[in-house]
């Protein structure tokens, strides 16, 4: 395993989220150095100082700063960009990033993505999160609607055991166990609409 130090610039307005993610990364067995900031103000100056840099950025900070962001990205092509997502963002914004992580992901998954992206490897999203089948998608929608396993089984005319099996598959494929996390996942993957 490559033990090269990875410099992380964490740009997140929420102190709690920033501290939590930093704590998870620093207690891992990897060599991360983390600098925390709450806005884009000094980003250009900070990136100049470090090599092997990964910027983890809350996309909300890009509001009305799209041109600045593109300019900085083009100036530092070796810098890797990760979106830190915990609410809905338009896919056009998220496509500007090399990768994205959500606050519902496991620490292992986040660290794995950081290692890969720092080595300038494009992360194979089919490996990270396999696509849900049509039946799993149906079950996910019913879960988000608040139906129990039994109600889902009755609605879809399948057994409760089949529902439970599909729920396990959903958890394995997404890496998300909580209902709020699955809701965010469904919104970001456009499985459900925000107003539904």
Foldseek 3Di string as FASTA:
>chain_A
DDQDEAEEEEAAQDPVVVVVLVVLVVPDPHHYDYDYHPACPCVLVVVVVDPLYEYEHALVRCVVVVVVVVVSCVVCVLYAYEYEDDADDDVVSRVVHLYYDYPQADSVLVVVVSVCVSVVHRDDLCVQANDQDPLLLLLLVVVLVPDDLVRSCVVVVHDSVVSVVSLVVNCVRNVGDDNSVSVRVCCRVVSDDPVD
